[in-house]
Amino acid sequence: MPSLKDLRNRIASVTATQKITKAMQMVAAAKLRRAQAHAESARPYAERMDVVLANLSAAMRGREGAPRLMVGTGDDKVHLLIVCTAERGLCGGFNSSIVRLARDHANRLIAQGKQVKILCVGKKGQDQLKRLFSRYILDTISLREVKRLAFSDARNIGDRVLAMFDAGEFDVATVFFSRFKSVIAQIPTAQQVIPANVPEIEAGEGAGSAYEYEPDEADILADLLPRNISVQIFRALLENAASEQGARMSAMDSATRNAGEMIDKLTLSYNRQRQAQITKELIEIISGAEAL
């Protein structure tokens, strides 16, 4: 049984930890509002980009000279997995859920005889994947020094991916990230970006509309498709930033409440042991007095 001093030290230690988790929860809540606003503001642009690409792709369907970023290399032997995670931990299962999705996808491709290459964006993804996939990891791009995400950060990653594609280093590229839904719900997502995964045009989104393009569709796609890579990566990074803060806020809230419950239990044990010790001393005093 721990002594009273041990219990006091443990209560003080857990109380200090509770203060830290509470502070981290408040910081995450403050950052979440800004990150959520950025993620939500990026969605309409990315979705409208999909609609424009869908219209252009429909116009190019069946014609020769379609860009390779849209139709691919004609093969799918080599797959590049761009795994976007956080630079820091203490955010619950946020990083693990993304890595699990990427790991399952990689195992499925390897079982089919495909070649897998992994580009990690964020330290935590590399830390978890290197245990089983170290030989597949090409590099890790760190954003630890970035205080506020900008499109230039995504463009640097997109330019590197495009350079690898032009060099023939892969056939298919897929981005893994966590889409923000709410503070307690983040959805691990895999999105193919090369060749462009063009959605079907729905009613009300320009279906059946006639457009005249100047210059022609091929020239527009040649400019839009490379830009779309950076746009989709930027969207993934913004969604990740919001999801990370939401997951950290939820995790720190749970940790704070668990620390409070632990303090209550330790305090109860401390009071019981202290009362037992006081009672024992009183009995000894009374017994000594009666013996006289």
C-alpha atoms as a PDB file:
ATOM      1  CA  MET A   1       0.000   0.000   0.000  1.00  0.00           C
ATOM      2  CA  PRO A   2       1.443   3.423  -0.936  1.00  0.00           C
ATOM      3  CA  SER A   3       2.264   5.791   1.871  1.00  0.00           C
ATOM      4  CA  LEU A   4       0.533   9.124   2.427  1.00  0.00           C
ATOM      5  CA  LYS A   5       3.549  10.900   0.948  1.00  0.00           C
ATOM      6  CA  ASP A   6       3.392   8.753  -2.191  1.00  0.00           C
ATOM      7  CA  LEU A   7      -0.305   9.510  -2.598  1.00  0.00           C
ATOM      8  CA  ARG A   8       0.276  13.259  -2.147  1.00  0.00           C
ATOM      9  CA  ASN A   9       3.026  13.185  -4.786  1.00  0.00           C
ATOM     10  CA  ARG A  10       0.810  11.228  -7.164  1.00  0.00           C
ATOM     11  CA  ILE A  11      -2.096  13.647  -6.688  1.00  0.00           C
ATOM     12  CA  ALA A  12       0.222  16.608  -7.332  1.00  0.00           C
ATOM     13  CA  SER A  13       1.615  14.923 -10.460  1.00  0.00           C
ATOM     14  CA  VAL A  14      -1.815  14.127 -11.920  1.00  0.00           C
ATOM     15  CA  THR A  15      -3.037  17.643 -11.075  1.00  0.00           C
ATOM     16  CA  ALA A  16      -0.104  19.142 -12.996  1.00  0.00           C
ATOM     17  CA  THR A  17      -0.864  16.865 -15.947  1.00  0.00           C
ATOM     18  CA  GLN A  18      -4.520  17.898 -15.841  1.00  0.00           C
ATOM     19  CA  LYS A  19      -3.523  21.563 -16.065  1.00  0.00           C
ATOM     20  CA  ILE A  20      -1.425  20.804 -19.149  1.00  0.00           C
ATOM     21  CA  THR A  21      -4.177  18.831 -20.899  1.00  0.00           C
ATOM     22  CA  LYS A  22      -6.709  21.551 -20.087  1.00  0.00           C
ATOM     23  CA  ALA A  23      -4.409  24.206 -21.541  1.00  0.00           C
ATOM     24  CA  MET A  24      -3.829  22.104 -24.670  1.00  0.00           C
ATOM     25  CA  GLN A  25      -7.585  21.658 -25.065  1.00  0.00           C
ATOM     26  CA  MET A  26      -8.132  25.423 -24.933  1.00  0.00           C
ATOM     27  CA  VAL A  27      -5.319  26.073 -27.423  1.00  0.00           C
ATOM     28  CA  ALA A  28      -6.711  23.429 -29.791  1.00  0.00           C
ATOM     29  CA  ALA A  29     -10.187  24.978 -29.520  1.00  0.00           C
ATOM     30  CA  ALA A  30      -8.780  28.384 -30.466  1.00  0.00           C
ATOM     31  CA  LYS A  31      -6.831  26.961 -33.419  1.00  0.00           C
ATOM     32  CA  LEU A  32      -9.768  24.816 -34.533  1.00  0.00           C
ATOM     33  CA  ARG A  33     -12.010  27.777 -35.363  1.00  0.00           C
ATOM     34  CA  ARG A  34      -9.424  29.233 -37.721  1.00  0.00           C
ATOM     35  CA  ALA A  35      -8.456  25.867 -39.262  1.00  0.00           C
ATOM     36  CA  GLN A  36     -12.101  24.896 -39.774  1.00  0.00           C
ATOM     37  CA  ALA A  37     -12.828  28.193 -41.506  1.00  0.00           C
ATOM     38  CA  HIS A  38      -9.875  27.689 -43.861  1.00  0.00           C
ATOM     39  CA  ALA A  39     -10.879  24.100 -44.663  1.00  0.00           C
ATOM     40  CA  GLU A  40     -14.502  25.026 -45.355  1.00  0.00           C
ATOM     41  CA  SER A  41     -13.495  27.978 -47.520  1.00  0.00           C
ATOM     42  CA  ALA A  42     -11.260  25.738 -49.652  1.00  0.00           C
ATOM     43  CA  ARG A  43     -13.970  23.164 -50.378  1.00  0.00           C
ATOM     44  CA  PRO A  44     -16.045  25.229 -52.868  1.00  0.00           C
ATOM     45  CA  TYR A  45     -12.940  26.055 -54.927  1.00  0.00           C
ATOM     46  CA  ALA A  46     -11.835  22.416 -55.073  1.00  0.00           C
ATOM     47  CA  GLU A  47     -15.356  21.237 -55.890  1.00  0.00           C
ATOM     48  CA  ARG A  48     -15.753  23.843 -58.632  1.00  0.00           C
ATOM     49  CA  MET A  49     -12.399  22.775 -60.038  1.00  0.00           C
ATOM     50  CA  ASP A  50     -13.780  19.234 -60.252  1.00  0.00           C
ATOM     51  CA  VAL A  51     -16.820  20.490 -62.169  1.00  0.00           C
ATOM     52  CA  VAL A  52     -14.678  22.444 -64.652  1.00  0.00           C
ATOM     53  CA  LEU A  53     -12.423  19.443 -65.192  1.00  0.00           C
ATOM     54  CA  ALA A  54     -15.458  17.207 -65.649  1.00  0.00           C
ATOM     55  CA  ASN A  55     -16.825  19.523 -68.370  1.00  0.00           C
ATOM     56  CA  LEU A  56     -13.469  19.713 -70.114  1.00  0.00           C
ATOM     57  CA  SER A  57     -12.924  15.967 -69.859  1.00  0.00           C
ATOM     58  CA  ALA A  58     -16.367  15.328 -71.332  1.00  0.00           C
ATOM     59  CA  ALA A  59     -15.468  17.573 -74.256  1.00  0.00           C
ATOM     60  CA  MET A  60     -12.151  15.746 -74.728  1.00  0.00           C
ATOM     61  CA  ARG A  61     -13.601  12.241 -74.431  1.00  0.00           C
ATOM     62  CA  GLY A  62     -12.813  10.134 -77.463  1.00  0.00           C
ATOM     63  CA  ARG A  63     -10.324  12.625 -78.906  1.00  0.00           C
ATOM     64  CA  GLU A  64      -6.631  12.128 -79.414  1.00  0.00           C
ATOM     65  CA  GLY A  65      -4.037  14.196 -77.598  1.00  0.00           C
ATOM     66  CA  ALA A  66      -5.653  14.046 -74.149  1.00  0.00           C
ATOM     67  CA  PRO A  67      -3.167  15.020 -71.385  1.00  0.00           C
ATOM     68  CA  ARG A  68      -1.427  12.188 -69.556  1.00  0.00           C
ATOM     69  CA  LEU A  69      -2.494  13.653 -66.209  1.00  0.00           C
ATOM     70  CA  MET A  70      -6.092  12.932 -67.226  1.00  0.00           C
ATOM     71  CA  VAL A  71      -5.813   9.580 -68.999  1.00  0.00           C
ATOM     72  CA  GLY A  72      -2.735   8.251 -67.201  1.00  0.00           C
ATOM     73  CA  THR A  73       0.246   6.399 -68.604  1.00  0.00           C
ATOM     74  CA  GLY A  74      -1.793   3.465 -69.813  1.00  0.00           C
ATOM     75  CA  ASP A  75      -0.546   1.295 -66.962  1.00  0.00           C
ATOM     76  CA  ASP A  76      -0.949   1.031 -63.200  1.00  0.00           C
ATOM     77  CA  LYS A  77       2.076  -0.955 -62.108  1.00  0.00           C
ATOM     78  CA  VAL A  78       3.660   1.706 -59.885  1.00  0.00           C
ATOM     79  CA  HIS A  79       1.565   3.524 -57.265  1.00  0.00           C
ATOM     80  CA  LEU A  80       2.643   6.588 -55.308  1.00  0.00           C
ATOM     81  CA  LEU A  81       0.940   7.010 -51.929  1.00  0.00           C
ATOM     82  CA  ILE A  82       1.073  10.550 -50.532  1.00  0.00           C
ATOM     83  CA  VAL A  83       0.337  10.105 -46.830  1.00  0.00           C
ATOM     84  CA  CYS A  84      -0.499  13.401 -45.103  1.00  0.00           C
ATOM     85  CA  THR A  85      -0.379  13.327 -41.311  1.00  0.00           C
ATOM     86  CA  ALA A  86       0.476  15.688 -38.466  1.00  0.00           C
ATOM     87  CA  GLU A  87       3.887  16.747 -37.215  1.00  0.00           C
ATOM     88  CA  ARG A  88       2.905  16.238 -33.581  1.00  0.00           C
ATOM     89  CA  GLY A  89       1.017  13.680 -31.537  1.00  0.00           C
ATOM     90  CA  LEU A  90      -1.410  13.961 -28.612  1.00  0.00           C
ATOM     91  CA  CYS A  91      -4.362  14.049 -31.004  1.00  0.00           C
ATOM     92  CA  GLY A  92      -6.052  10.729 -30.339  1.00  0.00           C
ATOM     93  CA  GLY A  93      -6.340   8.343 -33.275  1.00  0.00           C
ATOM     94  CA  PHE A  94      -6.024  11.048 -35.938  1.00  0.00           C
ATOM     95  CA  ASN A  95      -2.643   9.954 -37.305  1.00  0.00           C
ATOM     96  CA  SER A  96      -3.257   6.243 -36.801  1.00  0.00           C
ATOM     97  CA  SER A  97      -6.514   6.271 -38.788  1.00  0.00           C
ATOM     98  CA  ILE A  98      -4.820   7.851 -41.828  1.00  0.00           C
ATOM     99  CA  VAL A  99      -1.846   5.504 -41.602  1.00  0.00           C
ATOM    100  CA  ARG A 100      -4.155   2.503 -41.237  1.00  0.00           C
ATOM    101  CA  LEU A 101      -6.013   3.453 -44.422  1.00  0.00           C
ATOM    102  CA  ALA A 102      -2.733   3.935 -46.322  1.00  0.00           C
ATOM    103  CA  ARG A 103      -1.301   0.692 -44.917  1.00  0.00           C
ATOM    104  CA  ASP A 104      -4.352  -1.318 -45.977  1.00  0.00           C
ATOM    105  CA  HIS A 105      -4.223   0.240 -49.443  1.00  0.00           C
ATOM    106  CA  ALA A 106      -0.503  -0.531 -49.755  1.00  0.00           C
ATOM    107  CA  ASN A 107      -0.972  -4.138 -48.628  1.00  0.00           C
ATOM    108  CA  ARG A 108      -3.771  -4.589 -51.144  1.00  0.00           C
ATOM    109  CA  LEU A 109      -1.593  -3.249 -53.972  1.00  0.00           C
ATOM    110  CA  ILE A 110       1.391  -5.378 -52.939  1.00  0.00           C
ATOM    111  CA  ALA A 111      -0.843  -8.466 -52.863  1.00  0.00           C
ATOM    112  CA  GLN A 112      -1.839  -7.652 -56.467  1.00  0.00           C
ATOM    113  CA  GLY A 113       1.809  -7.519 -57.519  1.00  0.00           C
ATOM    114  CA  LYS A 114       1.974  -3.727 -57.822  1.00  0.00           C
ATOM    115  CA  GLN A 115       4.993  -1.615 -56.905  1.00  0.00           C
ATOM    116  CA  VAL A 116       4.372   0.850 -54.078  1.00  0.00           C
ATOM    117  CA  LYS A 117       6.183   4.096 -53.308  1.00  0.00           C
ATOM    118  CA  ILE A 118       5.317   6.246 -50.297  1.00  0.00           C
ATOM    119  CA  LEU A 119       5.835   9.980 -49.866  1.00  0.00           C
ATOM    120  CA  CYS A 120       5.118  11.084 -46.298  1.00  0.00           C
ATOM    121  CA  VAL A 121       3.937  14.612 -45.538  1.00  0.00           C
ATOM    122  CA  GLY A 122       4.279  14.913 -41.780  1.00  0.00           C
ATOM    123  CA  LYS A 123       6.575  13.208 -39.296  1.00  0.00           C
ATOM    124  CA  LYS A 124       3.984  11.043 -37.551  1.00  0.00           C
ATOM    125  CA  GLY A 125       3.068   9.169 -40.706  1.00  0.00           C
ATOM    126  CA  GLN A 126       6.698   8.321 -41.351  1.00  0.00           C
ATOM    127  CA  ASP A 127       7.173   7.201 -37.741  1.00  0.00           C
ATOM    128  CA  GLN A 128       4.347   4.688 -38.003  1.00  0.00           C
ATOM    129  CA  LEU A 129       4.924   3.471 -41.559  1.00  0.00           C
ATOM    130  CA  LYS A 130       8.675   2.899 -41.252  1.00  0.00           C
ATOM    131  CA  ARG A 131       8.145  -0.151 -39.050  1.00  0.00           C
ATOM    132  CA  LEU A 132       6.650  -2.171 -41.918  1.00  0.00           C
ATOM    133  CA  PHE A 133       7.181  -0.077 -45.056  1.00  0.00           C
ATOM    134  CA  SER A 134      10.593   1.516 -44.554  1.00  0.00           C
ATOM    135  CA  ARG A 135      11.879   0.256 -47.918  1.00  0.00           C
ATOM    136  CA  TYR A 136       8.913   1.813 -49.719  1.00  0.00           C
ATOM    137  CA  ILE A 137       9.273   5.309 -48.214  1.00  0.00           C
ATOM    138  CA  LEU A 138      10.935   7.718 -50.652  1.00  0.00           C
ATOM    139  CA  ASP A 139      11.116  10.771 -48.408  1.00  0.00           C
ATOM    140  CA  THR A 140       9.365  12.714 -45.662  1.00  0.00           C
ATOM    141  CA  ILE A 141       8.288  16.318 -46.222  1.00  0.00           C
ATOM    142  CA  SER A 142       8.205  18.218 -42.943  1.00  0.00           C
ATOM    143  CA  LEU A 143       5.887  21.163 -42.347  1.00  0.00           C
ATOM    144  CA  ARG A 144       6.895  21.624 -38.711  1.00  0.00           C
ATOM    145  CA  GLU A 145       8.286  25.115 -39.323  1.00  0.00           C
ATOM    146  CA  VAL A 146       5.145  26.248 -41.164  1.00  0.00           C
ATOM    147  CA  LYS A 147       3.052  28.385 -38.824  1.00  0.00           C
ATOM    148  CA  ARG A 148       0.193  28.944 -41.251  1.00  0.00           C
ATOM    149  CA  LEU A 149      -0.447  26.780 -44.293  1.00  0.00           C
ATOM    150  CA  ALA A 150      -0.291  28.565 -47.625  1.00  0.00           C
ATOM    151  CA  PHE A 151      -0.924  27.441 -51.180  1.00  0.00           C
ATOM    152  CA  SER A 152       2.806  27.696 -51.840  1.00  0.00           C
ATOM    153  CA  ASP A 153       3.404  24.820 -49.407  1.00  0.00           C
ATOM    154  CA  ALA A 154       1.043  22.581 -51.375  1.00  0.00           C
ATOM    155  CA  ARG A 155       2.460  23.796 -54.686  1.00  0.00           C
ATOM    156  CA  ASN A 156       5.966  22.729 -53.646  1.00  0.00           C
ATOM    157  CA  ILE A 157       4.665  19.240 -52.921  1.00  0.00           C
ATOM    158  CA  GLY A 158       2.622  19.230 -56.133  1.00  0.00           C
ATOM    159  CA  ASP A 159       5.623  20.293 -58.228  1.00  0.00           C
ATOM    160  CA  ARG A 160       7.659  17.447 -56.782  1.00  0.00           C
ATOM    161  CA  VAL A 161       4.914  14.931 -57.552  1.00  0.00           C
ATOM    162  CA  LEU A 162       4.575  16.266 -61.094  1.00  0.00           C
ATOM    163  CA  ALA A 163       8.350  16.048 -61.612  1.00  0.00           C
ATOM    164  CA  MET A 164       8.275  12.408 -60.503  1.00  0.00           C
ATOM    165  CA  PHE A 165       5.356  11.690 -62.850  1.00  0.00           C
ATOM    166  CA  ASP A 166       7.079  13.364 -65.814  1.00  0.00           C
ATOM    167  CA  ALA A 167      10.177  11.278 -65.046  1.00  0.00           C
ATOM    168  CA  GLY A 168       8.071   8.110 -65.250  1.00  0.00           C
ATOM    169  CA  GLU A 169       8.583   7.147 -61.610  1.00  0.00           C
ATOM    170  CA  PHE A 170       4.950   6.139 -61.031  1.00  0.00           C
ATOM    171  CA  ASP A 171       1.655   5.583 -62.843  1.00  0.00           C
ATOM    172  CA  VAL A 172      -0.993   6.358 -60.202  1.00  0.00           C
ATOM    173  CA  ALA A 173      -0.870   8.801 -57.284  1.00  0.00           C
ATOM    174  CA  THR A 174      -3.255   8.779 -54.322  1.00  0.00           C
ATOM    175  CA  VAL A 175      -3.447  11.291 -51.465  1.00  0.00           C
ATOM    176  CA  PHE A 176      -4.399  10.104 -47.973  1.00  0.00           C
ATOM    177  CA  PHE A 177      -5.768  12.600 -45.455  1.00  0.00           C
ATOM    178  CA  SER A 178      -8.549  13.053 -42.909  1.00  0.00           C
ATOM    179  CA  ARG A 179     -11.612  15.030 -43.955  1.00  0.00           C
ATOM    180  CA  PHE A 180     -13.000  17.239 -41.212  1.00  0.00           C
ATOM    181  CA  LYS A 181     -16.630  16.602 -40.315  1.00  0.00           C
ATOM    182  CA  SER A 182     -16.903  17.712 -36.699  1.00  0.00           C
ATOM    183  CA  VAL A 183     -14.871  17.909 -33.499  1.00  0.00           C
ATOM    184  CA  ILE A 184     -15.577  14.254 -32.744  1.00  0.00           C
ATOM    185  CA  ALA A 185     -15.709  12.952 -36.321  1.00  0.00           C
ATOM    186  CA  GLN A 186     -12.881  12.973 -38.849  1.00  0.00           C
ATOM    187  CA  ILE A 187     -13.130  10.757 -41.928  1.00  0.00           C
ATOM    188  CA  PRO A 188      -9.932   9.107 -43.292  1.00  0.00           C
ATOM    189  CA  THR A 189     -10.015   9.661 -47.048  1.00  0.00           C
ATOM    190  CA  ALA A 190      -8.077   8.368 -50.054  1.00  0.00           C
ATOM    191  CA  GLN A 191      -8.282  10.521 -53.188  1.00  0.00           C
ATOM    192  CA  GLN A 192      -6.659   9.644 -56.488  1.00  0.00           C
ATOM    193  CA  VAL A 193      -5.087  12.708 -58.094  1.00  0.00           C
ATOM    194  CA  ILE A 194      -3.083  11.149 -60.960  1.00  0.00           C
ATOM    195  CA  PRO A 195      -4.682  10.324 -63.305  1.00  0.00           C
ATOM    196  CA  ALA A 196      -7.346  12.845 -62.373  1.00  0.00           C
ATOM    197  CA  ASN A 197     -10.373  11.171 -60.829  1.00  0.00           C
ATOM    198  CA  VAL A 198     -12.948  13.283 -62.664  1.00  0.00           C
ATOM    199  CA  PRO A 199     -16.466  13.002 -61.158  1.00  0.00           C
ATOM    200  CA  GLU A 200     -19.590  12.572 -63.209  1.00  0.00           C
ATOM    201  CA  ILE A 201     -21.419  15.828 -63.914  1.00  0.00           C
ATOM    202  CA  GLU A 202     -24.648  15.977 -61.936  1.00  0.00           C
ATOM    203  CA  ALA A 203     -27.762  17.878 -62.858  1.00  0.00           C
ATOM    204  CA  GLY A 204     -27.451  21.521 -61.925  1.00  0.00           C
ATOM    205  CA  GLU A 205     -23.655  21.434 -62.120  1.00  0.00           C
ATOM    206  CA  GLY A 206     -23.413  22.354 -65.792  1.00  0.00           C
ATOM    207  CA  ALA A 207     -24.615  19.073 -67.259  1.00  0.00           C
ATOM    208  CA  GLY A 208     -25.750  19.468 -70.819  1.00  0.00           C
ATOM    209  CA  SER A 209     -24.378  22.997 -71.072  1.00  0.00           C
ATOM    210  CA  ALA A 210     -22.571  24.021 -74.221  1.00  0.00           C
ATOM    211  CA  TYR A 211     -19.262  25.830 -73.736  1.00  0.00           C
ATOM    212  CA  GLU A 212     -16.858  27.358 -76.216  1.00  0.00           C
ATOM    213  CA  TYR A 213     -13.279  27.199 -75.018  1.00  0.00           C
ATOM    214  CA  GLU A 214     -10.543  29.641 -75.937  1.00  0.00           C
ATOM    215  CA  PRO A 215      -7.907  28.326 -76.279  1.00  0.00           C
ATOM    216  CA  ASP A 216      -9.019  24.773 -76.984  1.00  0.00           C
ATOM    217  CA  GLU A 217      -9.756  22.145 -74.339  1.00  0.00           C
ATOM    218  CA  ALA A 218      -6.344  20.497 -74.560  1.00  0.00           C
ATOM    219  CA  ASP A 219      -4.507  23.738 -73.800  1.00  0.00           C
ATOM    220  CA  ILE A 220      -6.793  24.544 -70.873  1.00  0.00           C
ATOM    221  CA  LEU A 221      -6.407  21.055 -69.418  1.00  0.00           C
ATOM    222  CA  ALA A 222      -2.636  21.279 -69.818  1.00  0.00           C
ATOM    223  CA  ASP A 223      -2.723  24.264 -67.468  1.00  0.00           C
ATOM    224  CA  LEU A 224      -5.540  23.208 -65.129  1.00  0.00           C
ATOM    225  CA  LEU A 225      -4.512  19.603 -64.473  1.00  0.00           C
ATOM    226  CA  PRO A 226      -1.098  20.443 -62.933  1.00  0.00           C
ATOM    227  CA  ARG A 227      -2.759  23.201 -60.903  1.00  0.00           C
ATOM    228  CA  ASN A 228      -5.422  20.727 -59.772  1.00  0.00           C
ATOM    229  CA  ILE A 229      -2.720  18.532 -58.183  1.00  0.00           C
ATOM    230  CA  SER A 230      -1.635  21.413 -55.950  1.00  0.00           C
ATOM    231  CA  VAL A 231      -5.255  22.394 -55.251  1.00  0.00           C
ATOM    232  CA  GLN A 232      -6.177  18.893 -54.094  1.00  0.00           C
ATOM    233  CA  ILE A 233      -3.036  18.611 -51.945  1.00  0.00           C
ATOM    234  CA  PHE A 234      -3.743  22.029 -50.434  1.00  0.00           C
ATOM    235  CA  ARG A 235      -7.284  20.961 -49.663  1.00  0.00           C
ATOM    236  CA  ALA A 236      -5.964  17.765 -48.033  1.00  0.00           C
ATOM    237  CA  LEU A 237      -3.545  19.770 -45.867  1.00  0.00           C
ATOM    238  CA  LEU A 238      -6.275  22.183 -44.758  1.00  0.00           C
ATOM    239  CA  GLU A 239      -8.683  19.345 -43.989  1.00  0.00           C
ATOM    240  CA  ASN A 240      -5.894  17.651 -42.026  1.00  0.00           C
ATOM    241  CA  ALA A 241      -5.156  20.811 -40.054  1.00  0.00           C
ATOM    242  CA  ALA A 242      -8.792  21.153 -38.978  1.00  0.00           C
ATOM    243  CA  SER A 243      -9.121  17.429 -38.257  1.00  0.00           C
ATOM    244  CA  GLU A 244      -5.926  17.438 -36.191  1.00  0.00           C
ATOM    245  CA  GLN A 245      -7.116  20.281 -33.956  1.00  0.00           C
ATOM    246  CA  GLY A 246     -10.553  18.721 -33.593  1.00  0.00           C
ATOM    247  CA  ALA A 247      -9.046  15.362 -32.650  1.00  0.00           C
ATOM    248  CA  ARG A 248      -6.597  17.010 -30.238  1.00  0.00           C
ATOM    249  CA  MET A 249      -9.382  19.015 -28.606  1.00  0.00           C
ATOM    250  CA  SER A 250     -11.459  15.872 -28.112  1.00  0.00           C
ATOM    251  CA  ALA A 251      -8.467  13.834 -26.882  1.00  0.00           C
ATOM    252  CA  MET A 252      -7.355  16.492 -24.401  1.00  0.00           C
ATOM    253  CA  ASP A 253     -10.921  16.880 -23.121  1.00  0.00           C
ATOM    254  CA  SER A 254     -11.036  13.127 -22.444  1.00  0.00           C
ATOM    255  CA  ALA A 255      -7.600  13.249 -20.831  1.00  0.00           C
ATOM    256  CA  THR A 256      -8.646  16.144 -18.584  1.00  0.00           C
ATOM    257  CA  ARG A 257     -11.763  14.313 -17.446  1.00  0.00           C
ATOM    258  CA  ASN A 258      -9.815  11.094 -16.864  1.00  0.00           C
ATOM    259  CA  ALA A 259      -7.264  13.007 -14.803  1.00  0.00           C
ATOM    260  CA  GLY A 260     -10.078  14.475 -12.713  1.00  0.00           C
ATOM    261  CA  GLU A 261     -11.482  11.010 -12.055  1.00  0.00           C
ATOM    262  CA  MET A 262      -8.023   9.746 -11.109  1.00  0.00           C
ATOM    263  CA  ILE A 263      -7.533  12.670  -8.723  1.00  0.00           C
ATOM    264  CA  ASP A 264     -10.877  11.906  -7.077  1.00  0.00           C
ATOM    265  CA  LYS A 265      -9.915   8.253  -6.581  1.00  0.00           C
ATOM    266  CA  LEU A 266      -6.458   9.115  -5.251  1.00  0.00           C
ATOM    267  CA  THR A 267      -7.933  11.735  -2.915  1.00  0.00           C
ATOM    268  CA  LEU A 268     -10.439   9.197  -1.611  1.00  0.00           C
ATOM    269  CA  SER A 269      -7.656   6.667  -0.992  1.00  0.00           C
ATOM    270  CA  TYR A 270      -5.553   9.363   0.672  1.00  0.00           C
ATOM    271  CA  ASN A 271      -8.397  10.413   2.999  1.00  0.00           C
ATOM    272  CA  ARG A 272      -9.215   6.825   3.889  1.00  0.00           C
ATOM    273  CA  GLN A 273      -5.615   5.995   4.700  1.00  0.00           C
ATOM    274  CA  ARG A 274      -5.161   9.234   6.630  1.00  0.00           C
ATOM    275  CA  GLN A 275      -8.332   8.584   8.620  1.00  0.00           C
ATOM    276  CA  ALA A 276      -7.217   5.028   9.353  1.00  0.00           C
ATOM    277  CA  GLN A 277      -3.865   6.305  10.554  1.00  0.00           C
ATOM    278  CA  ILE A 278      -5.507   8.943  12.791  1.00  0.00           C
ATOM    279  CA  THR A 279      -7.897   6.332  14.201  1.00  0.00           C
ATOM    280  CA  LYS A 280      -5.001   3.972  14.896  1.00  0.00           C
ATOM    281  CA  GLU A 281      -3.101   6.717  16.745  1.00  0.00           C
ATOM    282  CA  LEU A 282      -6.192   7.633  18.801  1.00  0.00           C
ATOM    283  CA  ILE A 283      -6.680   4.004  19.783  1.00  0.00           C
ATOM    284  CA  GLU A 284      -3.047   3.785  20.852  1.00  0.00           C
ATOM    285  CA  ILE A 285      -3.388   6.976  22.946  1.00  0.00           C
ATOM    286  CA  ILE A 286      -6.629   5.808  24.580  1.00  0.00           C
ATOM    287  CA  SER A 287      -5.194   2.335  25.274  1.00  0.00           C
ATOM    288  CA  GLY A 288      -2.123   3.897  26.899  1.00  0.00           C
ATOM    289  CA  ALA A 289      -4.266   6.198  29.040  1.00  0.00           C
ATOM    290  CA  GLU A 290      -6.439   3.321  30.247  1.00  0.00           C
ATOM    291  CA  ALA A 291      -3.358   1.268  31.085  1.00  0.00           C
ATOM    292  CA  LEU A 292      -2.286   3.970  33.526  1.00  0.00           C
END
